[in-house]
Protein backbone atom coordinates (compact mmCIF):
# COMPACT_ATOMS: atom_id res chain seq x y z
CA MET A 1 32.79 17.53 5.02
CA VAL A 2 29.96 19.14 4.90
CA PHE A 3 27.70 21.24 7.06
CA TYR A 4 24.52 22.22 6.23
CA PHE A 5 22.56 24.50 8.59
CA VAL A 6 18.60 24.42 9.41
CA GLN A 7 16.35 26.68 7.92
CA PRO A 8 12.75 27.58 9.45
CA GLY A 9 10.75 25.81 8.05
CA GLU A 10 12.73 22.58 6.97
CA THR A 11 12.26 19.44 6.83
CA LEU A 12 15.17 16.48 6.73
CA PHE A 13 13.77 15.16 3.76
CA ALA A 14 13.55 17.34 2.05
CA ILE A 15 17.55 18.81 2.94
CA ALA A 16 18.07 14.69 1.91
CA ARG A 17 16.31 15.63 -1.16
CA ARG A 18 18.81 19.40 -1.77
CA TYR A 19 21.72 16.87 -1.09
CA ARG A 20 20.42 13.96 -2.96
CA THR A 21 21.25 11.73 -0.40
CA THR A 22 19.01 9.47 2.05
CA VAL A 23 16.78 11.07 4.95
CA HIS A 24 18.66 7.53 6.87
CA ALA A 25 21.83 8.55 5.83
CA LEU A 26 21.14 12.16 7.23
CA VAL A 27 20.56 10.59 10.81
CA THR A 28 22.95 8.70 11.35
CA ALA A 29 25.56 10.56 10.41
CA ASN A 30 23.69 13.24 12.41
CA ARG A 31 23.35 10.99 15.10
CA LEU A 32 19.48 12.07 15.30
CA LYS A 33 16.99 10.24 17.88
CA ASP A 34 14.14 12.15 15.79
CA PRO A 35 14.73 13.04 12.88
CA ASN A 36 11.32 15.30 12.81
CA ALA A 37 12.97 17.13 15.61
CA ILE A 38 15.14 19.53 14.04
CA SER A 39 15.41 22.86 14.91
CA PRO A 40 16.24 26.25 12.91
CA GLY A 41 19.95 26.89 13.07
CA GLN A 42 21.26 23.20 14.11
CA ALA A 43 24.57 22.40 12.50
CA LEU A 44 23.90 18.61 9.67
CA LEU A 45 26.68 16.93 8.94
CA ILE A 46 25.99 15.77 5.44
CA PRO A 47 27.18 12.74 3.76
CA ARG A 48 29.19 12.98 0.83
CA PRO A 49 29.18 10.60 -2.18
CA GLY A 50 30.38 7.57 -1.82
CA GLU A 51 30.11 7.06 1.72
CA ARG A 52 29.43 3.80 3.26
CA PRO A 53 26.32 4.33 5.29
CA SER A 54 25.01 2.13 7.43
CA PRO A 55 22.13 -0.78 6.19
CA PRO A 56 18.81 1.38 7.15
CA PRO A 57 16.19 -1.31 9.00
CA GLY A 58 14.10 -3.45 6.59
CA GLY A 59 16.89 -3.87 3.17
CA VAL A 60 19.30 -6.60 2.09
CA VAL A 61 22.55 -6.17 2.38
CA HIS A 62 24.86 -7.60 -1.01
CA ARG A 63 28.85 -7.62 -0.63
CA VAL A 64 30.67 -6.69 -3.59
CA ARG A 65 32.35 -9.34 -5.96
CA ARG A 66 34.86 -8.39 -7.93
CA GLY A 67 33.75 -7.38 -11.73
CA GLU A 68 30.23 -6.58 -9.89
CA THR A 69 28.58 -2.56 -10.34
CA ALA A 70 25.44 -1.44 -9.39
CA LEU A 71 23.77 -1.91 -13.10
CA THR A 72 24.56 -5.86 -12.94
CA LEU A 73 23.53 -5.86 -9.29
CA ALA A 74 19.88 -4.15 -10.93
CA ALA A 75 19.62 -6.78 -13.38
CA ARG A 76 20.53 -9.69 -10.46
CA TYR A 77 17.96 -8.43 -7.89
CA GLY A 78 15.09 -6.69 -10.28
CA THR A 79 15.47 -3.62 -9.25
CA THR A 80 17.03 -0.43 -10.30
CA VAL A 81 20.57 1.83 -10.27
CA LYS A 82 19.08 4.42 -9.26
CA ALA A 83 17.68 2.82 -6.25
CA ILE A 84 20.45 1.43 -5.91
CA MET A 85 22.67 4.66 -6.09
CA LEU A 86 20.21 6.67 -4.28
CA ALA A 87 20.17 3.80 -1.05
CA ASN A 88 23.81 3.91 -1.38
CA GLN A 89 24.81 7.56 -1.92
CA LEU A 90 27.02 6.42 -5.17
CA ALA A 91 27.85 9.57 -7.65
CA HIS A 92 28.51 6.49 -10.26
CA PRO A 93 27.10 3.09 -11.02
CA GLU A 94 30.68 1.64 -11.11
CA PHE A 95 32.07 3.46 -8.10
CA VAL A 96 32.34 0.33 -6.12
CA GLU A 97 34.70 -1.73 -5.07
CA PRO A 98 35.06 -5.31 -4.19
CA GLY A 99 34.25 -6.10 -0.22
CA GLN A 100 31.44 -2.80 -0.40
CA ARG A 101 29.13 -3.38 1.48
CA LEU A 102 25.26 -2.33 -0.30
CA VAL A 103 22.25 -1.30 0.30
CA ILE A 104 20.04 -3.57 -2.53
CA PRO A 105 16.42 -2.10 -2.02
CA GLU A 106 13.28 -4.40 -3.04
CA PRO A 107 11.68 -4.67 -6.49
CA PRO A 108 9.18 -3.05 -7.49
CA GLU A 109 7.70 -5.32 -8.53
CA PRO A 110 5.53 -8.04 -6.03
CA GLY A 111 4.98 -11.07 -8.16
CA THR A 112 2.37 -13.42 -6.78
CA ASP A 113 2.13 -11.45 -3.64
CA TRP A 114 -0.08 -8.55 -2.32
CA PRO A 115 1.59 -6.46 -0.12
CA MET A 116 -0.67 -3.33 -0.21
CA LEU A 117 -4.21 -3.18 -0.65
CA GLY A 118 -5.16 -2.48 -4.80
CA ARG A 119 -1.59 -4.36 -4.88
CA ASP A 120 0.03 -1.48 -6.34
CA PRO A 121 0.71 2.27 -5.38
CA ARG A 122 -2.01 2.41 -8.27
CA ARG A 123 -4.60 0.81 -6.33
CA ALA A 124 -5.13 -1.88 -10.28
CA SER A 125 -5.85 -4.61 -7.70
CA ASP A 126 -4.61 -7.07 -10.22
CA SER A 127 -2.19 -10.45 -9.59
CA PRO A 128 -0.72 -12.38 -12.38
CA ALA A 129 -1.41 -15.47 -10.98
CA ALA A 130 -4.91 -17.56 -11.05
CA PRO A 131 -5.73 -20.37 -8.64
CA ALA A 132 -5.54 -23.23 -10.22
CA SER A 133 -8.03 -24.76 -7.94
CA PRO A 134 -11.13 -23.56 -6.85
CA PRO A 135 -10.32 -22.65 -3.45
CA SER A 136 -10.36 -25.49 -0.14
CA HIS A 137 -10.61 -23.73 3.27
CA ARG A 138 -7.48 -24.91 5.26
CA TRP A 139 -7.33 -23.02 8.52
CA THR A 140 -9.37 -19.74 10.19
CA ARG A 141 -6.97 -17.39 12.86
CA ARG A 142 -9.64 -15.72 15.04
CA ALA A 143 -8.89 -13.03 18.35
CA ALA A 144 -9.16 -14.40 21.50
CA ALA A 145 -11.66 -11.70 22.54
CA SER A 146 -13.39 -9.43 19.97
CA ARG A 147 -13.77 -5.90 20.81
CA GLY A 148 -15.92 -4.70 17.95
CA PHE A 149 -13.66 -4.13 15.13
CA CYS A 150 -14.55 -4.94 11.63
CA PRO A 151 -10.99 -6.36 10.82
CA SER A 152 -8.46 -5.57 7.65
CA ALA A 153 -7.72 -6.22 3.93
CA PRO A 154 -5.69 -8.64 4.58
CA VAL A 155 -1.90 -7.77 2.56
CA THR A 156 0.39 -10.84 1.89
CA ARG A 157 4.58 -10.64 1.54
CA TYR A 158 8.08 -13.13 2.36
CA GLY A 159 5.23 -15.99 3.21
CA LEU A 160 3.22 -14.18 5.86
CA VAL A 161 -0.01 -12.69 5.78
CA TYR A 162 -0.50 -9.22 7.57
CA VAL A 163 -3.94 -8.12 8.86
CA GLY A 164 -5.64 -6.46 11.69
CA LEU A 165 -8.21 -8.74 12.99
CA GLY A 166 -11.77 -8.20 15.64
CA ASP A 167 -9.15 -7.42 18.80
CA GLY A 168 -7.83 -4.06 16.78
CA VAL A 169 -4.62 -5.88 17.08
CA TYR A 170 -2.15 -6.89 13.88
CA ARG A 171 -0.72 -9.96 13.33
CA ALA A 172 1.57 -11.88 10.82
CA LEU A 173 0.30 -15.09 10.26
CA ASP A 174 2.50 -18.13 8.77
CA GLN A 175 0.31 -18.10 4.87
CA ARG A 176 0.28 -22.46 5.23
CA THR A 177 -0.35 -22.86 8.63
CA GLY A 178 -2.05 -19.67 10.33
CA ALA A 179 0.70 -19.82 12.99
CA VAL A 180 1.50 -16.11 14.67
CA ARG A 181 4.28 -14.83 13.59
CA TRP A 182 4.12 -11.95 15.58
CA ARG A 183 1.70 -9.92 16.86
CA ALA A 184 1.80 -5.61 17.30
CA GLY A 185 -0.38 -2.75 18.41
CA ALA A 186 -2.93 -2.02 20.82
CA PRO A 187 -6.25 -0.13 19.94
CA ALA A 188 -6.27 3.22 21.76
CA ALA A 189 -10.38 3.19 21.81
CA ARG A 190 -12.85 -0.53 21.36
CA ALA A 191 -14.60 0.31 17.85
CA GLY A 192 -16.75 3.41 17.71
CA GLY A 193 -14.83 5.00 20.00
CA GLY A 194 -11.69 5.64 18.28
CA SER A 195 -11.37 6.65 14.59
CA GLY A 196 -10.47 4.06 12.00
CA GLU A 197 -11.41 3.21 8.19
CA GLY A 198 -14.60 6.25 7.58
CA PHE A 199 -13.32 8.83 11.13
CA GLY A 200 -15.54 6.82 13.96
CA ALA A 201 -16.55 3.83 12.31
CA ALA A 202 -14.51 0.45 12.90
CA ALA A 203 -13.25 -0.75 10.27
CA LEU A 204 -9.20 -1.27 10.26
CA PRO A 205 -6.91 0.09 8.02
CA ALA A 206 -5.08 -2.38 5.70
CA PRO A 207 -1.33 -3.18 6.76
CA VAL A 208 1.17 -2.08 3.64
CA VAL A 209 4.43 -3.83 3.89
CA TYR A 210 7.34 -1.86 1.68
CA ASP A 211 10.95 -2.76 1.18
CA GLY A 212 11.35 -4.72 4.35
CA LEU A 213 8.84 -2.71 7.08
CA ALA A 214 5.20 -3.40 8.34
CA TYR A 215 2.98 -0.06 8.51
CA TYR A 216 0.06 0.05 10.02
CA CYS A 217 -1.98 2.75 12.05
CA VAL A 218 -4.27 1.63 15.01
CA PRO A 219 -7.43 3.04 15.86
CA GLY A 220 -6.70 6.15 17.45
CA GLY A 221 -3.18 5.64 17.66
CA PRO A 222 0.30 6.63 15.96
CA LEU A 223 1.60 4.86 12.24
CA ARG A 224 3.71 2.57 13.07
CA ALA A 225 6.49 0.13 11.27
CA VAL A 226 7.79 -2.66 12.45
CA ASP A 227 10.35 -4.96 10.68
CA ALA A 228 7.87 -7.34 8.56
CA ARG A 229 9.59 -10.84 9.21
CA LYS A 230 10.58 -10.07 13.26
CA GLY A 231 7.73 -7.49 14.32
CA ALA A 232 9.97 -5.79 16.12
CA GLU A 233 9.45 -1.97 16.65
CA ILE A 234 11.33 0.67 14.08
CA TRP A 235 9.34 3.93 14.65
CA GLN A 236 6.33 5.39 15.08
CA VAL A 237 5.11 9.09 14.73
CA ALA A 238 1.90 10.71 14.63
CA PRO A 239 1.65 13.91 12.02
CA ALA A 240 -2.28 14.22 12.23
CA ASP A 241 -5.78 12.45 13.88
CA ALA A 242 -7.28 9.89 12.59
CA LEU A 243 -5.19 7.63 9.81
CA SER A 244 -6.42 6.39 7.08
CA THR A 245 -5.05 3.47 5.05
CA PRO A 246 -1.37 3.65 4.37
CA LEU A 247 -0.05 4.11 1.29
CA ALA A 248 3.96 2.78 0.37
CA GLY A 249 5.92 4.03 -2.91
CA ASP A 250 9.31 5.65 -4.27
CA GLY A 251 10.55 5.85 -0.32
CA ILE A 252 7.17 7.41 0.32
CA VAL A 253 4.42 6.32 3.16
CA TYR A 254 1.27 8.06 2.62
CA CYS A 255 -2.07 8.20 4.89
CA GLY A 256 -5.10 9.98 4.42
CA HIS A 257 -6.36 12.06 7.80
CA GLU A 258 -8.74 14.65 9.13
CA GLY A 259 -7.38 17.70 7.73
CA GLY A 260 -5.90 15.69 3.93
CA VAL A 261 -2.91 13.66 3.43
CA VAL A 262 0.63 13.72 4.99
CA ALA A 263 3.01 11.76 3.84
CA VAL A 264 6.48 10.59 5.50
CA GLU A 265 9.89 9.53 4.94
CA ALA A 266 9.84 5.28 4.79
CA LYS A 267 13.04 4.03 6.44
CA THR A 268 12.82 7.11 9.69
CA GLY A 269 9.07 8.29 9.59
CA ALA A 270 10.82 11.96 9.40
CA LEU A 271 8.07 14.06 7.73
CA ALA A 272 7.84 14.53 4.44
CA TRP A 273 4.64 17.30 3.76
CA ASN A 274 1.20 17.76 5.14
CA ALA A 275 -1.54 19.18 2.40
CA ARG A 276 -4.43 20.02 4.19
CA LEU A 277 -7.41 20.07 1.58
CA ASP A 278 -11.25 20.68 2.20
CA GLY A 279 -12.07 18.22 3.91
CA GLY A 280 -10.90 14.65 5.69
CA VAL A 281 -9.56 12.07 4.01
CA ALA A 282 -10.80 8.37 4.56
CA GLN A 283 -10.99 6.64 1.25
CA PRO A 284 -6.97 5.16 0.58
CA VAL A 285 -4.86 7.15 -1.67
CA ALA A 286 -3.59 5.70 -4.95
CA LEU A 287 0.28 6.80 -6.75
CA GLY A 288 0.82 7.26 -9.84
CA ASP A 289 2.97 8.64 -12.33
CA GLY A 290 4.78 10.55 -9.80
CA ARG A 291 0.72 11.93 -7.81
CA LEU A 292 -1.28 10.92 -5.22
CA PHE A 293 -4.50 10.85 -5.85
CA ALA A 294 -7.01 11.35 -3.55
CA THR A 295 -10.94 12.01 -2.94
CA THR A 296 -12.04 13.85 0.43
CA GLU A 297 -15.75 13.57 2.01
CA ALA A 298 -16.61 17.58 1.07
CA GLY A 299 -16.40 15.26 -2.34
CA THR A 300 -13.65 16.83 -4.13
CA LEU A 301 -10.80 14.43 -6.60
CA TRP A 302 -7.56 16.15 -5.67
CA ALA A 303 -4.19 15.47 -7.62
CA LEU A 304 -1.00 16.47 -5.42
CA ASP A 305 2.30 16.49 -6.48
CA ALA A 306 3.86 13.41 -4.10
CA LEU A 307 6.85 14.40 -3.39
CA THR A 308 6.07 17.67 -2.10
CA GLY A 309 2.33 17.81 -1.47
CA GLU A 310 1.58 20.61 -3.46
CA PRO A 311 -2.10 20.52 -5.28
CA LEU A 312 -1.83 20.34 -9.46
CA TRP A 313 -6.07 20.04 -9.88
CA ARG A 314 -9.17 19.15 -8.05
CA ALA A 315 -12.25 17.80 -9.13
CA GLU A 316 -16.22 17.57 -8.34
CA ALA A 317 -16.11 13.62 -7.61
CA ALA A 318 -18.57 10.57 -6.47
CA ALA A 319 -16.95 9.66 -3.07
CA GLY A 320 -14.99 6.58 -3.57
CA ALA A 321 -11.45 5.22 -3.10
CA PRO A 322 -9.16 5.86 -6.36
CA VAL A 323 -7.48 4.08 -8.90
CA PHE A 324 -4.67 5.55 -11.28
CA ALA A 325 -4.53 3.88 -14.77
CA GLU A 326 -2.00 4.97 -16.87
CA LEU A 327 -3.45 8.73 -18.21
CA VAL A 328 -6.74 7.94 -16.48
CA VAL A 329 -7.39 8.09 -12.51
CA ALA A 330 -11.37 7.25 -11.91
CA LEU A 331 -13.25 6.60 -9.02
CA GLY A 332 -17.36 5.05 -9.13
CA GLY A 333 -18.11 4.79 -12.22
CA GLN A 334 -16.12 8.28 -13.05
CA ALA A 335 -12.90 8.69 -15.21
CA PHE A 336 -11.06 11.62 -15.12
CA ASP A 337 -8.08 12.32 -17.06
CA ALA A 338 -4.57 12.01 -14.39
CA LEU A 339 -3.00 14.99 -15.69
CA THR A 340 -6.22 18.24 -15.87
CA GLY A 341 -8.45 16.58 -14.12
CA GLU A 342 -10.80 17.24 -16.70
CA LEU A 343 -14.00 14.64 -16.20
CA ILE A 344 -13.88 12.16 -19.70
CA TRP A 345 -16.66 10.00 -18.55
CA ARG A 346 -19.35 9.52 -16.50
CA ARG A 347 -21.77 6.59 -15.74
CA THR A 348 -24.30 6.23 -13.07
CA ASP A 349 -24.94 2.06 -12.96
CA LEU A 350 -21.10 2.12 -11.61
CA GLY A 351 -20.37 1.72 -8.32
CA GLY A 352 -17.42 0.98 -5.88
CA THR A 353 -14.24 0.47 -6.83
CA PRO A 354 -12.37 -1.20 -9.83
CA ALA A 355 -9.54 -3.16 -10.97
CA VAL A 356 -7.76 -1.99 -13.76
CA ARG A 357 -6.65 -4.44 -16.35
CA GLY A 358 -4.53 -3.05 -19.75
CA GLU A 359 -6.98 -0.77 -21.56
CA ALA A 360 -10.34 -1.85 -19.26
CA LEU A 361 -11.80 -0.97 -16.20
CA CYS A 362 -13.14 -4.11 -13.62
CA TYR A 363 -16.35 -3.65 -11.50
CA PRO A 364 -17.67 -6.67 -9.99
CA GLY A 365 -19.51 -8.58 -13.61
CA ARG A 366 -18.72 -5.77 -16.09
CA TRP A 367 -15.32 -4.24 -17.83
CA VAL A 368 -15.91 -1.39 -19.28
CA ASP A 369 -13.45 0.88 -21.66
CA LEU A 370 -10.80 2.66 -19.74
CA PHE A 371 -11.47 5.71 -22.11
CA THR A 372 -15.01 5.57 -23.34
CA GLY A 373 -16.70 3.75 -20.18
CA ARG A 374 -18.73 1.83 -22.63
CA THR A 375 -19.28 -2.15 -21.26
CA VAL A 376 -16.52 -4.44 -23.09
CA ALA A 377 -17.85 -7.62 -21.24
CA GLU A 378 -20.38 -8.36 -18.93
CA ALA A 379 -21.39 -11.74 -16.87
CA ASP A 380 -25.29 -13.23 -17.01
CA GLY A 381 -27.16 -13.05 -13.67
CA GLU A 382 -27.12 -10.51 -11.69
CA ALA A 383 -24.46 -8.48 -10.66
CA PRO A 384 -22.86 -8.09 -7.21
CA PRO A 385 -23.51 -4.49 -5.32
CA ALA A 386 -21.79 -1.57 -6.00
CA GLY A 387 -18.62 -2.22 -3.33
CA ALA A 388 -18.28 -6.16 -3.11
CA PRO A 389 -14.94 -7.44 -2.73
CA HIS A 390 -13.11 -7.99 -5.71
CA LEU A 391 -9.69 -8.61 -7.45
CA LEU A 392 -8.34 -10.02 -10.83
CA ALA A 393 -5.95 -12.94 -10.45
CA GLY A 394 -4.37 -14.22 -13.48
CA ASP A 395 -7.68 -14.85 -16.41
CA LEU A 396 -9.87 -15.14 -12.92
CA HIS A 397 -11.23 -11.73 -12.12
CA LEU A 398 -12.90 -12.89 -8.17
CA TRP A 399 -15.78 -11.58 -6.09
CA VAL A 400 -17.59 -12.32 -3.15
CA THR A 401 -21.85 -12.85 -3.66
CA PRO A 402 -24.07 -11.42 -0.91
CA GLU A 403 -24.62 -15.93 -0.17
CA PRO A 404 -22.49 -14.93 0.79
CA ALA A 405 -19.60 -17.15 -1.98
CA LEU A 406 -16.93 -16.10 -3.54
CA VAL A 407 -16.70 -17.41 -6.94
CA ALA A 408 -14.26 -16.87 -10.25
CA TRP A 409 -15.62 -15.80 -13.17
CA ASP A 410 -12.98 -15.86 -16.99
CA ALA A 411 -13.38 -12.86 -18.59
CA ALA A 412 -11.83 -13.93 -21.20
CA ARG A 413 -14.87 -17.01 -21.89
CA ARG A 414 -17.87 -14.76 -20.18
CA GLU A 415 -18.57 -17.71 -18.04
CA LEU A 416 -18.67 -18.51 -13.69
CA ARG A 417 -15.69 -21.06 -13.24
CA TRP A 418 -16.65 -21.84 -10.16
CA SER A 419 -17.96 -20.85 -6.85
CA VAL A 420 -17.29 -21.68 -3.24
CA PRO A 421 -19.55 -20.48 -0.29
CA LEU A 422 -18.06 -18.37 2.81
CA PRO A 423 -18.95 -19.02 6.71
CA ALA A 424 -19.75 -15.53 6.94
CA PRO A 425 -20.09 -12.26 5.24
CA ALA A 426 -16.37 -11.32 3.35
CA VAL A 427 -14.49 -7.70 4.50
CA ALA A 428 -11.34 -7.71 1.83
CA MET A 429 -9.24 -10.85 0.41
CA ALA A 430 -5.79 -10.79 -0.59
CA PRO A 431 -4.07 -13.77 -2.74
CA ALA A 432 -0.40 -15.22 -2.82
CA ASP A 433 1.57 -17.72 -4.98
CA GLY A 434 -1.20 -20.95 -3.78
CA TRP A 435 -3.52 -18.93 -1.48
CA ILE A 436 -6.53 -17.12 -0.92
CA PHE A 437 -7.27 -15.00 2.23
CA VAL A 438 -10.90 -13.43 3.72
CA THR A 439 -10.97 -11.03 6.12
CA LEU A 440 -14.65 -11.53 6.98
CA ALA A 441 -17.46 -10.10 9.12
CA ASP A 442 -17.33 -11.97 12.08
CA GLY A 443 -14.06 -10.60 13.26
CA SER A 444 -11.81 -13.70 11.41
CA LEU A 445 -9.51 -14.46 8.31
CA ALA A 446 -9.98 -17.45 6.49
CA ALA A 447 -7.44 -19.27 4.34
CA TYR A 448 -8.22 -21.06 1.89
CA SER A 449 -5.25 -22.96 -0.59
CA THR A 450 -6.16 -22.83 -4.44
CA THR A 451 -2.96 -25.75 -4.99
CA ALA A 452 -4.58 -29.19 -5.72
CA SER A 453 -2.41 -30.70 -4.20
CA GLU A 454 -2.70 -28.28 -0.40
């Protein structure tokens, strides 16, 4: 039995890292009600490697059969040995026995789902599945009474679509029928009276679905974690004011706020770090190669250590949401070296947040080389305005035009594949297997089938 006495300024997250355990294991072993309420001098029991932890919320539990190891289970479930060892405090991947219950973290690759803004922590906005046919409208979900909020970007996981609508309430809806599975959250103020995306704007931050939990923050309210399938609240924390769109990756949830960026442990809400920068971070952040990238309202692009929040570099940059593309971090018409922050190229005729496909940055109607900024493919006709919703889906690039319409461009053939009118201007969209979900400026969510048999 090992006891540790908390030192001044320490967090439960830092203690868990030091002893190669999890925050959830520390919370369970010490029966802590609030992981952020530990105090200097407090004695904590440290779980030993190999102790069987209680499953964290949202996790899949597997009962070990004879001959199974962490290696075979990682291959079976599509996750990693390291993730299984960390989740279960295993000292060695073969130190498991028949009958033992192991927590199996979700695979890092979401398949055809779109569980967060931009689909993955890099914000690459690239889905492997192309629509089999032009979209056909199937259903629309509206709030009973709008409170003036612009709906969030939708995200998809587990056969559900998660979205905040015009009343400021977040919902999980059945993808096929639009039936409400659960609803959660009530805005602290009407649009314009709270602080959503853009600090005072009426847009709702997009939710995130990660390893069985859904995360969202209503304007003026805390960051909440709920069971992604049932909606039961797991925890809520208010680590800073005016939280923006969350991002989840490597066991941590990140949010921009009025003073910088905050990070909390995904299963418990325990504070990992809070980085104070040179201004508010209203735009979504991006994660890649152990670095978190954020742009402030002061016009600075920051690279932070994703585990500690320590600044690695900063550079002057245009306003916008960054995306991580291997060795490059890009925003607007600029590309920076992800390791040093050195400006690689700049173009004044590009705007908005690009998608990433291989060595190309993909803007609506124009693809450019990741390392040089030179145009490699361009659509005929007038390009949509900068900032138009867009994403990559298989061999197609989808974007929204001002008409409004949803169009599909085949980059290989350099031709327009189809165009489908929309009932109102689009805010954002997300695909799933056989579906495209679009939030509209009237506060609603529209579902379109992309399977001919639907």
